[in-house]
C-alpha cells in the first residue's frame, strides 16, 4: 500500500498524519505541485491525499499546474475509484474537479471553531467515533458553494454549508483542518496570504493568541485526527472494487 500526496506549499503537509503513516509502515510519496514536481502515473498508489494551500481553485492563470492536478483528481476518483481525502484546498479541488462550484465563502473562517456533523455524516464510516460537534482549526476564505453531482454533504458550519462531503463511496473532502500539529499555526501565520486572512478576521497580532488556543487543544485534535485516519485506512484496506 502506497499513498500519493499532493502538496501546494512545503509547510502545508499531512501534518500529524505523517506520524500515523510512518508508525504504520505505510510509504507515501509527495508531489510538490507549486515547486514544479510532475504528477506521476497513478498506478501503484492505493489512495490520494490532497492538502491545502494559499491559492484558489480558479487561479489557473497564476498557477498553471492546477489544471493537470484537477485532471489527475478526476482520473483518480471517477476512472480509478481511488480513495481520496482532500483537506481545505484539497476539499475544494475535489468539488471543482468533479463539477461542483467553488467560490468566495460568505465570510472567512479563521480560528478555532465548531463544525457540526449531520445525520449522513454520523452514519458515514469516515466519521465513526467522532463527536457530532467537532472543535477544529479553520483557515479559509473560499468554499464549496455547490457540491458536485452525486455528492453527499456530511458536515456544515454557520458560515459554510459544505464542511465535509463524500463523492461516491471512497472520495472525501474536508474543509476544516484535522492534521494540526504544534507547528501548524506558527508556520502558517508566517505565510503572507494566511497572515493577512488571520489578521483581517481576528486582528493584528492574533497569531500568538491562536497558537495558544490551538496548543491547549492539541490532545483533542490529535484524538480526532487519529480516529479519522484509522477510519479512512480501514476503508482503504477493506476496499474491493468501485
C-alpha atoms as a PDB file:
ATOM      1  CA  UNK A   1       0.000   0.000   0.000  1.00  0.00           C
ATOM      2  CA  UNK A   2       1.488   3.351  -1.059  1.00  0.00           C
ATOM      3  CA  UNK A   3      -0.134   6.781  -0.638  1.00  0.00           C
ATOM      4  CA  UNK A   4       0.285   9.688  -3.074  1.00  0.00           C
ATOM      5  CA  UNK A   5       0.230  13.178  -1.550  1.00  0.00           C
ATOM      6  CA  UNK A   6      -0.357  16.402  -3.491  1.00  0.00           C
ATOM      7  CA  UNK A   7       1.048  19.470  -1.728  1.00  0.00           C
ATOM      8  CA  UNK A   8       0.738  23.121  -2.737  1.00  0.00           C
ATOM      9  CA  UNK A   9       3.054  24.627  -0.114  1.00  0.00           C
ATOM     10  CA  UNK A  10       6.024  22.960   1.556  1.00  0.00           C
ATOM     11  CA  UNK A  11       4.782  23.694   5.092  1.00  0.00           C
ATOM     12  CA  UNK A  12       1.211  22.589   4.373  1.00  0.00           C
ATOM     13  CA  UNK A  13       1.882  18.881   4.503  1.00  0.00           C
ATOM     14  CA  UNK A  14      -0.037  15.936   6.004  1.00  0.00           C
ATOM     15  CA  UNK A  15       0.853  17.126   9.498  1.00  0.00           C
ATOM     16  CA  UNK A  16       0.113  14.587  12.183  1.00  0.00           C
ATOM     17  CA  UNK A  17      -0.923  12.059   9.516  1.00  0.00           C
ATOM     18  CA  UNK A  18       2.791  11.743   8.693  1.00  0.00           C
ATOM     19  CA  UNK A  19       3.351  10.264  12.149  1.00  0.00           C
ATOM     20  CA  UNK A  20       0.481   7.823  11.721  1.00  0.00           C
ATOM     21  CA  UNK A  21       1.630   6.687   8.272  1.00  0.00           C
ATOM     22  CA  UNK A  22       5.219   6.234   9.395  1.00  0.00           C
ATOM     23  CA  UNK A  23       4.186   4.346  12.540  1.00  0.00           C
ATOM     24  CA  UNK A  24       2.067   2.020  10.402  1.00  0.00           C
ATOM     25  CA  UNK A  25       4.922   1.482   7.946  1.00  0.00           C
ATOM     26  CA  UNK A  26       2.886   2.857   5.035  1.00  0.00           C
ATOM     27  CA  UNK A  27       5.050   4.500   2.351  1.00  0.00           C
ATOM     28  CA  UNK A  28       3.915   7.839   0.967  1.00  0.00           C
ATOM     29  CA  UNK A  29       5.224   9.983  -1.866  1.00  0.00           C
ATOM     30  CA  UNK A  30       4.909  13.774  -2.016  1.00  0.00           C
ATOM     31  CA  UNK A  31       4.304  15.722  -5.213  1.00  0.00           C
ATOM     32  CA  UNK A  32       5.066  19.403  -4.532  1.00  0.00           C
ATOM     33  CA  UNK A  33       2.988  20.958  -7.313  1.00  0.00           C
ATOM     34  CA  UNK A  34       3.882  24.580  -6.593  1.00  0.00           C
ATOM     35  CA  UNK A  35       7.565  23.636  -6.939  1.00  0.00           C
ATOM     36  CA  UNK A  36       7.024  22.089 -10.371  1.00  0.00           C
ATOM     37  CA  UNK A  37       7.003  18.404  -9.439  1.00  0.00           C
ATOM     38  CA  UNK A  38       5.369  16.318 -12.175  1.00  0.00           C
ATOM     39  CA  UNK A  39       2.306  14.249 -11.390  1.00  0.00           C
ATOM     40  CA  UNK A  40       3.271  10.568 -11.600  1.00  0.00           C
ATOM     41  CA  UNK A  41       1.275   7.749 -13.073  1.00  0.00           C
ATOM     42  CA  UNK A  42      -1.380   6.769 -10.551  1.00  0.00           C
ATOM     43  CA  UNK A  43      -0.630   3.070 -10.989  1.00  0.00           C
ATOM     44  CA  UNK A  44       0.757   1.608  -7.815  1.00  0.00           C
ATOM     45  CA  UNK A  45      -0.948   4.062  -5.474  1.00  0.00           C
ATOM     46  CA  UNK A  46      -3.723   2.958  -3.162  1.00  0.00           C
ATOM     47  CA  UNK A  47      -5.063   6.423  -2.253  1.00  0.00           C
ATOM     48  CA  UNK A  48      -4.657  10.117  -2.985  1.00  0.00           C
ATOM     49  CA  UNK A  49      -4.276  12.670  -0.193  1.00  0.00           C
ATOM     50  CA  UNK A  50      -4.559  16.333  -1.284  1.00  0.00           C
ATOM     51  CA  UNK A  51      -3.522  19.093   1.090  1.00  0.00           C
ATOM     52  CA  UNK A  52      -4.327  22.782   1.442  1.00  0.00           C
ATOM     53  CA  UNK A  53      -2.623  25.873   0.082  1.00  0.00           C
ATOM     54  CA  UNK A  54      -2.931  29.659  -0.186  1.00  0.00           C
ATOM     55  CA  UNK A  55      -4.117  29.660  -3.796  1.00  0.00           C
ATOM     56  CA  UNK A  56      -7.713  29.305  -5.026  1.00  0.00           C
ATOM     57  CA  UNK A  57      -9.015  26.653  -7.403  1.00  0.00           C
ATOM     58  CA  UNK A  58      -9.888  29.236 -10.070  1.00  0.00           C
ATOM     59  CA  UNK A  59      -6.388  30.735 -10.211  1.00  0.00           C
ATOM     60  CA  UNK A  60      -5.131  28.604 -13.085  1.00  0.00           C
ATOM     61  CA  UNK A  61      -3.542  31.625 -14.817  1.00  0.00           C
ATOM     62  CA  UNK A  62      -1.294  32.236 -11.796  1.00  0.00           C
ATOM     63  CA  UNK A  63      -0.827  28.529 -11.045  1.00  0.00           C
ATOM     64  CA  UNK A  64      -0.973  26.552 -14.323  1.00  0.00           C
ATOM     65  CA  UNK A  65      -0.373  23.255 -12.516  1.00  0.00           C
ATOM     66  CA  UNK A  66      -3.923  23.462 -11.115  1.00  0.00           C
ATOM     67  CA  UNK A  67      -5.327  22.256 -14.463  1.00  0.00           C
ATOM     68  CA  UNK A  68      -3.362  18.970 -14.606  1.00  0.00           C
ATOM     69  CA  UNK A  69      -3.970  18.486 -10.895  1.00  0.00           C
ATOM     70  CA  UNK A  70      -7.722  18.641 -11.453  1.00  0.00           C
ATOM     71  CA  UNK A  71      -7.415  16.187 -14.338  1.00  0.00           C
ATOM     72  CA  UNK A  72      -5.495  13.817 -12.083  1.00  0.00           C
ATOM     73  CA  UNK A  73      -8.158  14.136  -9.381  1.00  0.00           C
ATOM     74  CA  UNK A  74     -10.905  13.341 -11.891  1.00  0.00           C
ATOM     75  CA  UNK A  75      -8.967  10.324 -13.137  1.00  0.00           C
ATOM     76  CA  UNK A  76      -8.296   9.097  -9.608  1.00  0.00           C
ATOM     77  CA  UNK A  77     -11.859   9.459  -8.346  1.00  0.00           C
ATOM     78  CA  UNK A  78     -14.020   8.847 -11.412  1.00  0.00           C
ATOM     79  CA  UNK A  79     -11.937   6.454 -13.518  1.00  0.00           C
ATOM     80  CA  UNK A  80      -9.982   4.541 -10.892  1.00  0.00           C
ATOM     81  CA  UNK A  81     -12.376   4.845  -7.933  1.00  0.00           C
ATOM     82  CA  UNK A  82      -9.295   5.573  -5.843  1.00  0.00           C
ATOM     83  CA  UNK A  83      -9.858   6.510  -2.190  1.00  0.00           C
ATOM     84  CA  UNK A  84      -9.337  10.247  -1.858  1.00  0.00           C
ATOM     85  CA  UNK A  85      -9.015  12.554   1.128  1.00  0.00           C
ATOM     86  CA  UNK A  86      -8.796  16.286   0.456  1.00  0.00           C
ATOM     87  CA  UNK A  87      -8.248  18.876   3.185  1.00  0.00           C
ATOM     88  CA  UNK A  88      -9.150  22.583   2.766  1.00  0.00           C
ATOM     89  CA  UNK A  89      -7.912  23.368  -0.771  1.00  0.00           C
ATOM     90  CA  UNK A  90      -7.916  19.623  -1.423  1.00  0.00           C
ATOM     91  CA  UNK A  91     -11.613  19.586  -0.484  1.00  0.00           C
ATOM     92  CA  UNK A  92     -12.314  22.496  -2.818  1.00  0.00           C
ATOM     93  CA  UNK A  93     -10.334  20.889  -5.644  1.00  0.00           C
ATOM     94  CA  UNK A  94     -12.434  17.746  -5.320  1.00  0.00           C
ATOM     95  CA  UNK A  95     -15.575  19.845  -5.639  1.00  0.00           C
ATOM     96  CA  UNK A  96     -14.320  21.862  -8.595  1.00  0.00           C
ATOM     97  CA  UNK A  97     -12.748  18.951 -10.475  1.00  0.00           C
ATOM     98  CA  UNK A  98     -15.930  16.867 -10.306  1.00  0.00           C
ATOM     99  CA  UNK A  99     -18.338  19.575 -11.455  1.00  0.00           C
ATOM    100  CA  UNK A 100     -19.283  21.447  -8.287  1.00  0.00           C
ATOM    101  CA  UNK A 101     -18.945  25.187  -7.754  1.00  0.00           C
ATOM    102  CA  UNK A 102     -16.248  26.767  -5.593  1.00  0.00           C
ATOM    103  CA  UNK A 103     -16.099  30.473  -4.808  1.00  0.00           C
ATOM    104  CA  UNK A 104     -15.590  33.016  -2.078  1.00  0.00           C
ATOM    105  CA  UNK A 105     -17.198  31.974   1.189  1.00  0.00           C
ATOM    106  CA  UNK A 106     -19.942  34.078   2.763  1.00  0.00           C
ATOM    107  CA  UNK A 107     -17.285  35.125   5.255  1.00  0.00           C
ATOM    108  CA  UNK A 108     -13.803  33.783   6.010  1.00  0.00           C
ATOM    109  CA  UNK A 109     -13.460  31.235   8.785  1.00  0.00           C
ATOM    110  CA  UNK A 110     -10.193  31.588  10.668  1.00  0.00           C
ATOM    111  CA  UNK A 111      -9.546  30.325  14.172  1.00  0.00           C
ATOM    112  CA  UNK A 112     -10.697  27.550  16.469  1.00  0.00           C
ATOM    113  CA  UNK A 113     -14.342  26.971  15.582  1.00  0.00           C
ATOM    114  CA  UNK A 114     -17.045  24.326  15.659  1.00  0.00           C
ATOM    115  CA  UNK A 115     -18.358  22.140  12.844  1.00  0.00           C
ATOM    116  CA  UNK A 116     -21.498  20.046  13.085  1.00  0.00           C
ATOM    117  CA  UNK A 117     -21.568  16.537  11.624  1.00  0.00           C
ATOM    118  CA  UNK A 118     -25.029  15.962  10.156  1.00  0.00           C
ATOM    119  CA  UNK A 119     -27.038  12.735  10.138  1.00  0.00           C
ATOM    120  CA  UNK A 120     -25.415  11.478   6.947  1.00  0.00           C
ATOM    121  CA  UNK A 121     -22.002  12.233   8.394  1.00  0.00           C
ATOM    122  CA  UNK A 122     -22.721  10.468  11.662  1.00  0.00           C
ATOM    123  CA  UNK A 123     -23.714   7.383   9.652  1.00  0.00           C
ATOM    124  CA  UNK A 124     -20.646   7.588   7.410  1.00  0.00           C
ATOM    125  CA  UNK A 125     -17.694   5.291   8.202  1.00  0.00           C
ATOM    126  CA  UNK A 126     -15.203   8.171   7.931  1.00  0.00           C
ATOM    127  CA  UNK A 127     -16.701   9.939  10.953  1.00  0.00           C
ATOM    128  CA  UNK A 128     -17.367   6.855  13.091  1.00  0.00           C
ATOM    129  CA  UNK A 129     -16.401   7.680  16.657  1.00  0.00           C
ATOM    130  CA  UNK A 130     -16.225  11.435  16.012  1.00  0.00           C
ATOM    131  CA  UNK A 131     -18.408  13.753  18.104  1.00  0.00           C
ATOM    132  CA  UNK A 132     -21.365  15.318  16.233  1.00  0.00           C
ATOM    133  CA  UNK A 133     -19.903  18.715  17.156  1.00  0.00           C
ATOM    134  CA  UNK A 134     -16.227  18.964  16.253  1.00  0.00           C
ATOM    135  CA  UNK A 135     -13.939  21.691  17.553  1.00  0.00           C
ATOM    136  CA  UNK A 136     -11.325  22.314  14.892  1.00  0.00           C
ATOM    137  CA  UNK A 137      -8.946  24.752  13.236  1.00  0.00           C
ATOM    138  CA  UNK A 138     -10.354  26.724  10.313  1.00  0.00           C
ATOM    139  CA  UNK A 139      -8.338  28.895   7.923  1.00  0.00           C
ATOM    140  CA  UNK A 140     -10.131  29.540   4.632  1.00  0.00           C
ATOM    141  CA  UNK A 141     -11.852  32.251   2.601  1.00  0.00           C
ATOM    142  CA  UNK A 142     -13.195  30.063  -0.219  1.00  0.00           C
ATOM    143  CA  UNK A 143     -15.720  27.253  -0.002  1.00  0.00           C
ATOM    144  CA  UNK A 144     -17.580  24.601  -1.953  1.00  0.00           C
ATOM    145  CA  UNK A 145     -20.748  26.554  -2.725  1.00  0.00           C
ATOM    146  CA  UNK A 146     -22.416  23.754  -4.680  1.00  0.00           C
ATOM    147  CA  UNK A 147     -21.215  20.167  -4.205  1.00  0.00           C
ATOM    148  CA  UNK A 148     -20.564  18.089  -7.328  1.00  0.00           C
ATOM    149  CA  UNK A 149     -23.274  15.818  -8.756  1.00  0.00           C
ATOM    150  CA  UNK A 150     -23.909  12.804  -6.562  1.00  0.00           C
ATOM    151  CA  UNK A 151     -22.070  14.211  -3.549  1.00  0.00           C
ATOM    152  CA  UNK A 152     -23.367  13.746  -0.021  1.00  0.00           C
ATOM    153  CA  UNK A 153     -22.813  16.624   2.403  1.00  0.00           C
ATOM    154  CA  UNK A 154     -21.568  15.290   5.745  1.00  0.00           C
ATOM    155  CA  UNK A 155     -20.900  18.394   7.848  1.00  0.00           C
ATOM    156  CA  UNK A 156     -21.551  22.136   7.948  1.00  0.00           C
ATOM    157  CA  UNK A 157     -21.000  25.284   9.981  1.00  0.00           C
ATOM    158  CA  UNK A 158     -22.965  28.544  10.239  1.00  0.00           C
ATOM    159  CA  UNK A 159     -20.746  30.177   7.603  1.00  0.00           C
ATOM    160  CA  UNK A 160     -20.061  27.175   5.373  1.00  0.00           C
ATOM    161  CA  UNK A 161     -22.721  24.714   4.242  1.00  0.00           C
ATOM    162  CA  UNK A 162     -20.253  22.126   2.926  1.00  0.00           C
ATOM    163  CA  UNK A 163     -17.653  21.465   5.608  1.00  0.00           C
ATOM    164  CA  UNK A 164     -17.312  17.839   4.563  1.00  0.00           C
ATOM    165  CA  UNK A 165     -18.636  15.729   1.714  1.00  0.00           C
ATOM    166  CA  UNK A 166     -18.353  12.305   0.155  1.00  0.00           C
ATOM    167  CA  UNK A 167     -18.419  11.647  -3.582  1.00  0.00           C
ATOM    168  CA  UNK A 168     -19.166   8.060  -4.483  1.00  0.00           C
ATOM    169  CA  UNK A 169     -18.014   5.530  -1.900  1.00  0.00           C
ATOM    170  CA  UNK A 170     -14.399   6.485  -1.313  1.00  0.00           C
ATOM    171  CA  UNK A 171     -13.736  10.163  -2.109  1.00  0.00           C
ATOM    172  CA  UNK A 172     -13.909  12.637   0.776  1.00  0.00           C
ATOM    173  CA  UNK A 173     -13.351  16.353   1.134  1.00  0.00           C
ATOM    174  CA  UNK A 174     -12.981  18.121   4.491  1.00  0.00           C
ATOM    175  CA  UNK A 175     -12.871  21.911   4.662  1.00  0.00           C
ATOM    176  CA  UNK A 176     -11.559  22.161   8.222  1.00  0.00           C
ATOM    177  CA  UNK A 177      -8.102  21.114   9.366  1.00  0.00           C
ATOM    178  CA  UNK A 178      -7.667  17.811  11.172  1.00  0.00           C
ATOM    179  CA  UNK A 179      -3.936  17.419  10.536  1.00  0.00           C
ATOM    180  CA  UNK A 180      -2.879  20.074  13.071  1.00  0.00           C
ATOM    181  CA  UNK A 181       0.417  19.874  14.973  1.00  0.00           C
ATOM    182  CA  UNK A 182       2.185  22.248  17.342  1.00  0.00           C
ATOM    183  CA  UNK A 183       3.981  23.789  14.356  1.00  0.00           C
ATOM    184  CA  UNK A 184       0.883  24.453  12.251  1.00  0.00           C
ATOM    185  CA  UNK A 185      -0.170  27.906  13.463  1.00  0.00           C
ATOM    186  CA  UNK A 186       3.354  29.360  13.880  1.00  0.00           C
ATOM    187  CA  UNK A 187       4.348  28.195  10.395  1.00  0.00           C
ATOM    188  CA  UNK A 188       1.136  29.129   8.589  1.00  0.00           C
ATOM    189  CA  UNK A 189       0.909  32.550  10.210  1.00  0.00           C
ATOM    190  CA  UNK A 190       4.222  33.412   8.506  1.00  0.00           C
ATOM    191  CA  UNK A 191       2.683  32.847   5.042  1.00  0.00           C
ATOM    192  CA  UNK A 192       1.640  36.306   3.743  1.00  0.00           C
ATOM    193  CA  UNK A 193      -1.765  35.200   2.467  1.00  0.00           C
ATOM    194  CA  UNK A 194      -2.565  33.318   5.658  1.00  0.00           C
ATOM    195  CA  UNK A 195      -1.297  36.108   7.891  1.00  0.00           C
ATOM    196  CA  UNK A 196      -3.493  38.633   6.070  1.00  0.00           C
ATOM    197  CA  UNK A 197      -6.572  36.437   6.443  1.00  0.00           C
ATOM    198  CA  UNK A 198      -5.809  35.797  10.107  1.00  0.00           C
ATOM    199  CA  UNK A 199      -5.392  39.473  10.967  1.00  0.00           C
ATOM    200  CA  UNK A 200      -8.420  40.509   8.907  1.00  0.00           C
ATOM    201  CA  UNK A 201     -10.642  38.187  10.918  1.00  0.00           C
ATOM    202  CA  UNK A 202      -9.000  38.138  14.347  1.00  0.00           C
ATOM    203  CA  UNK A 203      -6.953  41.342  14.404  1.00  0.00           C
ATOM    204  CA  UNK A 204      -3.294  42.320  14.224  1.00  0.00           C
ATOM    205  CA  UNK A 205      -1.106  40.116  16.397  1.00  0.00           C
ATOM    206  CA  UNK A 206      -3.673  37.327  16.552  1.00  0.00           C
ATOM    207  CA  UNK A 207      -1.147  34.635  15.602  1.00  0.00           C
ATOM    208  CA  UNK A 208       0.188  34.302  19.152  1.00  0.00           C
ATOM    209  CA  UNK A 209      -3.312  34.045  20.600  1.00  0.00           C
ATOM    210  CA  UNK A 210      -4.366  31.456  18.033  1.00  0.00           C
ATOM    211  CA  UNK A 211      -1.206  29.448  18.669  1.00  0.00           C
ATOM    212  CA  UNK A 212      -2.034  29.311  22.402  1.00  0.00           C
ATOM    213  CA  UNK A 213      -5.673  28.380  21.724  1.00  0.00           C
ATOM    214  CA  UNK A 214      -4.533  25.618  19.412  1.00  0.00           C
ATOM    215  CA  UNK A 215      -1.836  24.316  21.739  1.00  0.00           C
ATOM    216  CA  UNK A 216      -4.229  23.593  24.593  1.00  0.00           C
ATOM    217  CA  UNK A 217      -6.490  21.683  22.210  1.00  0.00           C
ATOM    218  CA  UNK A 218      -3.780  19.579  20.573  1.00  0.00           C
ATOM    219  CA  UNK A 219      -4.640  16.390  22.504  1.00  0.00           C
ATOM    220  CA  UNK A 220      -8.276  16.592  21.359  1.00  0.00           C
ATOM    221  CA  UNK A 221      -7.228  17.495  17.815  1.00  0.00           C
ATOM    222  CA  UNK A 222      -4.822  14.535  17.752  1.00  0.00           C
ATOM    223  CA  UNK A 223      -7.508  12.180  19.042  1.00  0.00           C
ATOM    224  CA  UNK A 224      -9.939  13.184  16.298  1.00  0.00           C
ATOM    225  CA  UNK A 225      -7.196  13.015  13.670  1.00  0.00           C
ATOM    226  CA  UNK A 226      -6.250   9.512  14.776  1.00  0.00           C
ATOM    227  CA  UNK A 227      -9.872   8.363  14.663  1.00  0.00           C
ATOM    228  CA  UNK A 228     -10.431   9.810  11.205  1.00  0.00           C
ATOM    229  CA  UNK A 229      -7.141   8.377   9.929  1.00  0.00           C
ATOM    230  CA  UNK A 230      -7.965   4.924  11.291  1.00  0.00           C
ATOM    231  CA  UNK A 231     -11.409   5.066   9.697  1.00  0.00           C
ATOM    232  CA  UNK A 232     -10.001   6.069   6.320  1.00  0.00           C
ATOM    233  CA  UNK A 233      -7.317   3.395   6.422  1.00  0.00           C
ATOM    234  CA  UNK A 234      -9.865   0.781   7.440  1.00  0.00           C
ATOM    235  CA  UNK A 235     -11.937   1.662   4.371  1.00  0.00           C
ATOM    236  CA  UNK A 236      -8.823   1.590   2.237  1.00  0.00           C
ATOM    237  CA  UNK A 237      -7.764  -1.850   3.427  1.00  0.00           C
ATOM    238  CA  UNK A 238     -11.223  -3.345   3.014  1.00  0.00           C
ATOM    239  CA  UNK A 239     -11.963  -1.786  -0.383  1.00  0.00           C
ATOM    240  CA  UNK A 240     -12.800  -4.249  -3.101  1.00  0.00           C
ATOM    241  CA  UNK A 241     -13.888  -2.803  -6.405  1.00  0.00           C
ATOM    242  CA  UNK A 242     -15.654   0.502  -7.153  1.00  0.00           C
END
